[in-house]
Structure formats: C-alpha cells, structure tokens
C-alpha atoms as a PDB file:
ATOM      1  CA  MET A   1       1.623   1.926  -8.899  1.00  0.00           C
ATOM      2  CA  PRO A   2       3.724  -0.874  -7.465  1.00  0.00           C
ATOM      3  CA  ALA A   3       2.181  -4.123  -6.403  1.00  0.00           C
ATOM      4  CA  GLU A   4       3.255  -5.918  -3.274  1.00  0.00           C
ATOM      5  CA  TYR A   5       6.291  -8.131  -3.698  1.00  0.00           C
ATOM      6  CA  ASP A   6       4.860 -10.761  -1.386  1.00  0.00           C
ATOM      7  CA  GLN A   7       1.945 -11.625  -3.641  1.00  0.00           C
ATOM      8  CA  ASP A   8       2.063 -15.185  -4.933  1.00  0.00           C
ATOM      9  CA  CYS A   9       1.177 -14.635  -8.565  1.00  0.00           C
ATOM     10  CA  ARG A  10       2.523 -11.924 -10.822  1.00  0.00           C
ATOM     11  CA  CYS A  11       0.626 -12.718 -13.992  1.00  0.00           C
ATOM     12  CA  GLN A  12      -1.004  -9.793 -15.804  1.00  0.00           C
ATOM     13  CA  THR A  13      -4.428 -10.509 -14.325  1.00  0.00           C
ATOM     14  CA  CYS A  14      -3.238 -10.751 -10.724  1.00  0.00           C
ATOM     15  CA  LEU A  15      -1.023  -7.674 -11.049  1.00  0.00           C
ATOM     16  CA  SER A  16      -3.898  -5.708 -12.577  1.00  0.00           C
ATOM     17  CA  LYS A  17      -6.185  -6.717  -9.716  1.00  0.00           C
ATOM     18  CA  ALA A  18      -3.544  -5.793  -7.117  1.00  0.00           C
ATOM     19  CA  ILE A  19      -2.989  -2.402  -8.736  1.00  0.00           C
ATOM     20  CA  ALA A  20      -6.750  -1.825  -8.960  1.00  0.00           C
ATOM     21  CA  ASP A  21      -7.015  -2.501  -5.207  1.00  0.00           C
ATOM     22  CA  LYS A  22      -4.283   0.078  -4.525  1.00  0.00           C
ATOM     23  CA  ILE A  23      -5.994   2.619  -6.765  1.00  0.00           C
ATOM     24  CA  GLU A  24      -9.289   2.079  -4.914  1.00  0.00           C
ATOM     25  CA  GLN A  25      -7.511   2.708  -1.611  1.00  0.00           C
ATOM     26  CA  VAL A  26      -5.986   5.950  -2.932  1.00  0.00           C
ATOM     27  CA  ILE A  27      -9.415   7.074  -4.151  1.00  0.00           C
ATOM     28  CA  GLN A  28     -10.977   6.344  -0.753  1.00  0.00           C
ATOM     29  CA  ASP A  29      -8.188   8.025   1.220  1.00  0.00           C
ATOM     30  CA  ASN A  30      -8.042  11.301  -0.735  1.00  0.00           C
ATOM     31  CA  THR A  31     -10.270  14.123  -1.852  1.00  0.00           C
ATOM     32  CA  LEU A  32     -11.790  14.163  -5.323  1.00  0.00           C
ATOM     33  CA  GLU A  33      -9.615  17.140  -6.241  1.00  0.00           C
ATOM     34  CA  HIS A  34      -6.426  15.308  -5.221  1.00  0.00           C
ATOM     35  CA  VAL A  35      -7.393  12.129  -7.078  1.00  0.00           C
ATOM     36  CA  LEU A  36      -8.347  14.124 -10.193  1.00  0.00           C
ATOM     37  CA  LEU A  37      -4.917  15.734 -10.134  1.00  0.00           C
ATOM     38  CA  LEU A  38      -3.288  12.314  -9.855  1.00  0.00           C
ATOM     39  CA  ALA A  39      -5.484  10.806 -12.587  1.00  0.00           C
ATOM     40  CA  SER A  40      -4.815  13.708 -14.948  1.00  0.00           C
ATOM     41  CA  GLN A  41      -1.246  12.433 -15.309  1.00  0.00           C
ATOM     42  CA  TYR A  42      -2.602   9.366 -17.073  1.00  0.00           C
ATOM     43  CA  ASP A  43      -4.897   9.101 -20.045  1.00  0.00           C
ATOM     44  CA  ASN A  44      -6.930   6.426 -21.752  1.00  0.00           C
ATOM     45  CA  LYS A  45      -5.226   6.858 -25.125  1.00  0.00           C
ATOM     46  CA  ASN A  46      -2.744   4.011 -24.642  1.00  0.00           C
ATOM     47  CA  GLY A  47      -5.464   1.427 -24.299  1.00  0.00           C
ATOM     48  CA  LEU A  48      -7.505   0.212 -21.403  1.00  0.00           C
ATOM     49  CA  ILE A  49      -6.406  -2.419 -18.898  1.00  0.00           C
ATOM     50  CA  GLU A  50      -8.892  -4.992 -17.686  1.00  0.00           C
ATOM     51  CA  TYR A  51      -9.522  -4.840 -13.916  1.00  0.00           C
ATOM     52  CA  ILE A  52      -7.922  -1.377 -13.705  1.00  0.00           C
ATOM     53  CA  ASP A  53      -9.992   0.570 -16.239  1.00  0.00           C
ATOM     54  CA  TYR A  54     -12.895  -1.817 -16.700  1.00  0.00           C
ATOM     55  CA  THR A  55     -14.330  -5.229 -15.962  1.00  0.00           C
ATOM     56  CA  LEU A  56     -16.522  -7.361 -18.169  1.00  0.00           C
ATOM     57  CA  GLU A  57     -19.965  -8.323 -16.927  1.00  0.00           C
ATOM     58  CA  TYR A  58     -22.111 -10.461 -19.192  1.00  0.00           C
ATOM     59  CA  GLY A  59     -20.015  -9.331 -22.157  1.00  0.00           C
ATOM     60  CA  GLU A  60     -20.486  -5.632 -21.354  1.00  0.00           C
ATOM     61  CA  PHE A  61     -17.788  -3.164 -20.320  1.00  0.00           C
ATOM     62  CA  VAL A  62     -18.202  -1.720 -16.822  1.00  0.00           C
ATOM     63  CA  TYR A  63     -15.807   1.196 -16.492  1.00  0.00           C
ATOM     64  CA  SER A  64     -14.074   1.724 -13.163  1.00  0.00           C
ATOM     65  CA  GLN A  65     -14.003   4.860 -11.104  1.00  0.00           C
ATOM     66  CA  TRP A  66     -10.319   5.215 -12.075  1.00  0.00           C
ATOM     67  CA  TYR A  67     -11.260   5.183 -15.767  1.00  0.00           C
ATOM     68  CA  HIS A  68     -13.761   7.986 -15.194  1.00  0.00           C
ATOM     69  CA  LEU A  69     -11.251   9.996 -13.178  1.00  0.00           C
ATOM     70  CA  LYS A  70      -8.673   9.672 -15.967  1.00  0.00           C
ATOM     71  CA  ARG A  71     -11.343  10.729 -18.451  1.00  0.00           C
ATOM     72  CA  GLY A  72     -11.732  13.965 -16.488  1.00  0.00           C
ATOM     73  CA  THR A  73     -15.446  14.597 -17.004  1.00  0.00           C
ATOM     74  CA  CYS A  74     -18.799  12.930 -16.622  1.00  0.00           C
ATOM     75  CA  CYS A  75     -20.146  11.437 -19.851  1.00  0.00           C
ATOM     76  CA  GLY A  76     -23.759  11.772 -18.707  1.00  0.00           C
ATOM     77  CA  ASN A  77     -24.623   8.061 -19.089  1.00  0.00           C
ATOM     78  CA  SER A  78     -25.292   7.432 -15.363  1.00  0.00           C
ATOM     79  CA  CYS A  79     -22.343   5.030 -15.116  1.00  0.00           C
ATOM     80  CA  ARG A  80     -22.251   2.780 -12.064  1.00  0.00           C
ATOM     81  CA  TYR A  81     -18.851   4.021 -10.823  1.00  0.00           C
ATOM     82  CA  CYS A  82     -19.063   7.664 -11.868  1.00  0.00           C
ATOM     83  CA  PRO A  83     -17.213   9.783  -9.266  1.00  0.00           C
ATOM     84  CA  TYR A  84     -18.788  13.051 -10.416  1.00  0.00           C
END
C-alpha cells in the first residue's frame, strides 16, 4: 500500500506507521469479507513488520487487526484486536 508522498519522513518506522494508518482505514471502510479477501493475498511467512503486524508494549507483542486478518482464523487467545 503506497504511503503519501507529502510525508516528511520516509524512514522504515514512519513508512510502516503511514501504511498501518491506511490499512486501518481500509478495514474500517469495508466489510469483513472484503478485507479477508484482501488480506488473504498476504501471509505472515515473510516476517512481521513492526507497526503494521504488531506493536511492542512493555516488551510484549500486541498483534494488529491486520495480522489477524492475514492469519485467516481466530487463535482463541482473546487477542485485543481480533476481528473475528
């Protein structure tokens, strides 16, 4: 997903945050079925990206809604951002 060209910083962290914001907007603007179809084109096998797939809170991974959508199923751990 492209980031805006007018953003000041294009370091990995800022780009990841900008892309995460765009992903959140897509999730909010579409149905679960549509977003699942979109997410199914990606997988978590190539590694996770901080701010897009997870954030760190007190040294613990907090997986994003996008991560769970790419995963394709609920893991049953009552995750904070579980879309299922």
